[in-house]
Amino acid sequence: MGGVYWDGKKWVGISSDAVFATISFVVPEKMKGSDLAILFWDGTNWVELSENRYLDGGLFVNRGGHLSEDGQRFEVSVNFSGTFVLVQK
């Protein structure tokens, strides 16, 4: 995965060997079949983690919110840590 992001002053490259973590939530039975999202607290606001989204400071969402292959978890793939929540839209 390569690409660039704007750091507020200049374009910065993302290395093709960038490391991504999967943030995963078990989908509660009562939320199965619902329109779900994973939000990230950026220190000021909750931000929905959508596909290929660049956030300030080089934070990158590689793969947006999606169901796992077994359909039991809702997950995102990101290059940062922080506070995340699973919500029903």
C-alpha atoms as a PDB file:
ATOM      1  CA  MET A   1       0.000   0.000   0.000  1.00  0.00           C
ATOM      2  CA  GLY A   2       1.535   3.278  -1.059  1.00  0.00           C
ATOM      3  CA  GLY A   3       0.116   6.730  -1.230  1.00  0.00           C
ATOM      4  CA  VAL A   4       0.502  10.209   0.170  1.00  0.00           C
ATOM      5  CA  TYR A   5      -1.163  12.416   2.739  1.00  0.00           C
ATOM      6  CA  TRP A   6      -1.102  16.162   3.442  1.00  0.00           C
ATOM      7  CA  ASP A   7       0.494  16.839   6.850  1.00  0.00           C
ATOM      8  CA  GLY A   8      -0.634  20.491   6.864  1.00  0.00           C
ATOM      9  CA  LYS A   9       2.612  21.730   5.302  1.00  0.00           C
ATOM     10  CA  LYS A  10       3.637  19.253   2.622  1.00  0.00           C
ATOM     11  CA  TRP A  11       2.753  15.954   0.970  1.00  0.00           C
ATOM     12  CA  VAL A  12       4.248  12.962   2.776  1.00  0.00           C
ATOM     13  CA  GLY A  13       4.585   9.501   1.264  1.00  0.00           C
ATOM     14  CA  ILE A  14       3.224   6.347   2.855  1.00  0.00           C
ATOM     15  CA  SER A  15       5.648   3.506   2.429  1.00  0.00           C
ATOM     16  CA  SER A  16       4.540   0.374   0.630  1.00  0.00           C
ATOM     17  CA  ASP A  17       5.576  -1.592   3.725  1.00  0.00           C
ATOM     18  CA  ALA A  18       3.363   0.433   6.097  1.00  0.00           C
ATOM     19  CA  VAL A  19       1.990  -1.576   9.026  1.00  0.00           C
ATOM     20  CA  PHE A  20      -1.776  -1.642   9.632  1.00  0.00           C
ATOM     21  CA  ALA A  21      -3.712  -2.909  12.640  1.00  0.00           C
ATOM     22  CA  THR A  22      -7.192  -4.381  12.512  1.00  0.00           C
ATOM     23  CA  ILE A  23      -9.642  -2.851  14.985  1.00  0.00           C
ATOM     24  CA  SER A  24     -12.415  -5.393  15.519  1.00  0.00           C
ATOM     25  CA  PHE A  25     -15.692  -5.456  17.467  1.00  0.00           C
ATOM     26  CA  VAL A  26     -17.960  -8.455  17.976  1.00  0.00           C
ATOM     27  CA  VAL A  27     -21.349  -7.497  16.517  1.00  0.00           C
ATOM     28  CA  PRO A  28     -24.034  -7.874  19.204  1.00  0.00           C
ATOM     29  CA  GLU A  29     -26.919 -10.140  18.173  1.00  0.00           C
ATOM     30  CA  LYS A  30     -29.422  -7.238  18.281  1.00  0.00           C
ATOM     31  CA  MET A  31     -27.219  -5.192  15.890  1.00  0.00           C
ATOM     32  CA  LYS A  32     -26.727  -7.889  13.240  1.00  0.00           C
ATOM     33  CA  GLY A  33     -28.060  -6.721   9.889  1.00  0.00           C
ATOM     34  CA  SER A  34     -27.809  -3.052  10.956  1.00  0.00           C
ATOM     35  CA  ASP A  35     -25.890  -0.302   9.193  1.00  0.00           C
ATOM     36  CA  LEU A  36     -22.747  -0.087  11.371  1.00  0.00           C
ATOM     37  CA  ALA A  37     -19.682   2.152  11.597  1.00  0.00           C
ATOM     38  CA  ILE A  38     -16.520   2.368  13.660  1.00  0.00           C
ATOM     39  CA  LEU A  39     -15.736   5.842  14.948  1.00  0.00           C
ATOM     40  CA  PHE A  40     -12.388   7.222  16.120  1.00  0.00           C
ATOM     41  CA  TRP A  41     -12.009   9.975  18.745  1.00  0.00           C
ATOM     42  CA  ASP A  42      -9.554  12.523  17.279  1.00  0.00           C
ATOM     43  CA  GLY A  43      -9.376  14.556  20.489  1.00  0.00           C
ATOM     44  CA  THR A  44     -12.194  16.866  19.432  1.00  0.00           C
ATOM     45  CA  ASN A  45     -14.731  14.888  17.398  1.00  0.00           C
ATOM     46  CA  TRP A  46     -15.844  11.367  16.564  1.00  0.00           C
ATOM     47  CA  VAL A  47     -14.751  10.536  13.003  1.00  0.00           C
ATOM     48  CA  GLU A  48     -16.217   7.700  10.941  1.00  0.00           C
ATOM     49  CA  LEU A  49     -13.472   5.447   9.571  1.00  0.00           C
ATOM     50  CA  SER A  50     -14.330   5.042   5.907  1.00  0.00           C
ATOM     51  CA  GLU A  51     -12.375   3.369   3.118  1.00  0.00           C
ATOM     52  CA  ASN A  52      -9.009   4.916   2.139  1.00  0.00           C
ATOM     53  CA  ARG A  53      -9.523   7.948   4.381  1.00  0.00           C
ATOM     54  CA  TYR A  54      -6.613  10.185   5.370  1.00  0.00           C
ATOM     55  CA  LEU A  55      -6.848  11.991   8.712  1.00  0.00           C
ATOM     56  CA  ASP A  56      -4.590  14.752  10.024  1.00  0.00           C
ATOM     57  CA  GLY A  57      -1.082  13.821  11.083  1.00  0.00           C
ATOM     58  CA  GLY A  58      -0.619  10.900   8.700  1.00  0.00           C
ATOM     59  CA  LEU A  59      -3.403   8.751  10.130  1.00  0.00           C
ATOM     60  CA  PHE A  60      -4.728   6.493   7.380  1.00  0.00           C
ATOM     61  CA  VAL A  61      -7.686   4.114   7.124  1.00  0.00           C
ATOM     62  CA  ASN A  62      -6.562   1.348   4.783  1.00  0.00           C
ATOM     63  CA  ARG A  63      -9.849  -0.566   4.849  1.00  0.00           C
ATOM     64  CA  GLY A  64     -13.057   1.033   6.111  1.00  0.00           C
ATOM     65  CA  GLY A  65     -15.738  -0.545   8.264  1.00  0.00           C
ATOM     66  CA  HIS A  66     -16.755  -3.995   7.048  1.00  0.00           C
ATOM     67  CA  LEU A  67     -17.973  -7.339   8.344  1.00  0.00           C
ATOM     68  CA  SER A  68     -15.349 -10.013   8.907  1.00  0.00           C
ATOM     69  CA  GLU A  69     -15.422 -13.084   6.680  1.00  0.00           C
ATOM     70  CA  ASP A  70     -17.351 -15.044   9.335  1.00  0.00           C
ATOM     71  CA  GLY A  71     -19.863 -12.178   9.754  1.00  0.00           C
ATOM     72  CA  GLN A  72     -19.334 -12.066  13.522  1.00  0.00           C
ATOM     73  CA  ARG A  73     -17.129  -8.943  13.788  1.00  0.00           C
ATOM     74  CA  PHE A  74     -17.138  -5.447  12.318  1.00  0.00           C
ATOM     75  CA  GLU A  75     -13.617  -4.182  11.617  1.00  0.00           C
ATOM     76  CA  VAL A  76     -11.366  -1.530  10.105  1.00  0.00           C
ATOM     77  CA  SER A  77      -7.670  -1.549   9.155  1.00  0.00           C
ATOM     78  CA  VAL A  78      -5.713   1.540  10.268  1.00  0.00           C
ATOM     79  CA  ASN A  79      -2.144   2.726  10.865  1.00  0.00           C
ATOM     80  CA  PHE A  80      -2.856   4.293  14.266  1.00  0.00           C
ATOM     81  CA  SER A  81      -4.110   3.535  17.757  1.00  0.00           C
ATOM     82  CA  GLY A  82      -6.598   5.415  19.904  1.00  0.00           C
ATOM     83  CA  THR A  83     -10.166   5.296  21.137  1.00  0.00           C
ATOM     84  CA  PHE A  84     -12.683   3.530  18.893  1.00  0.00           C
ATOM     85  CA  VAL A  85     -16.393   2.694  19.219  1.00  0.00           C
ATOM     86  CA  LEU A  86     -18.845   0.581  17.239  1.00  0.00           C
ATOM     87  CA  VAL A  87     -22.096   2.414  16.456  1.00  0.00           C
ATOM     88  CA  GLN A  88     -25.319   1.788  14.636  1.00  0.00           C
ATOM     89  CA  LYS A  89     -25.988   4.495  12.030  1.00  0.00           C
END
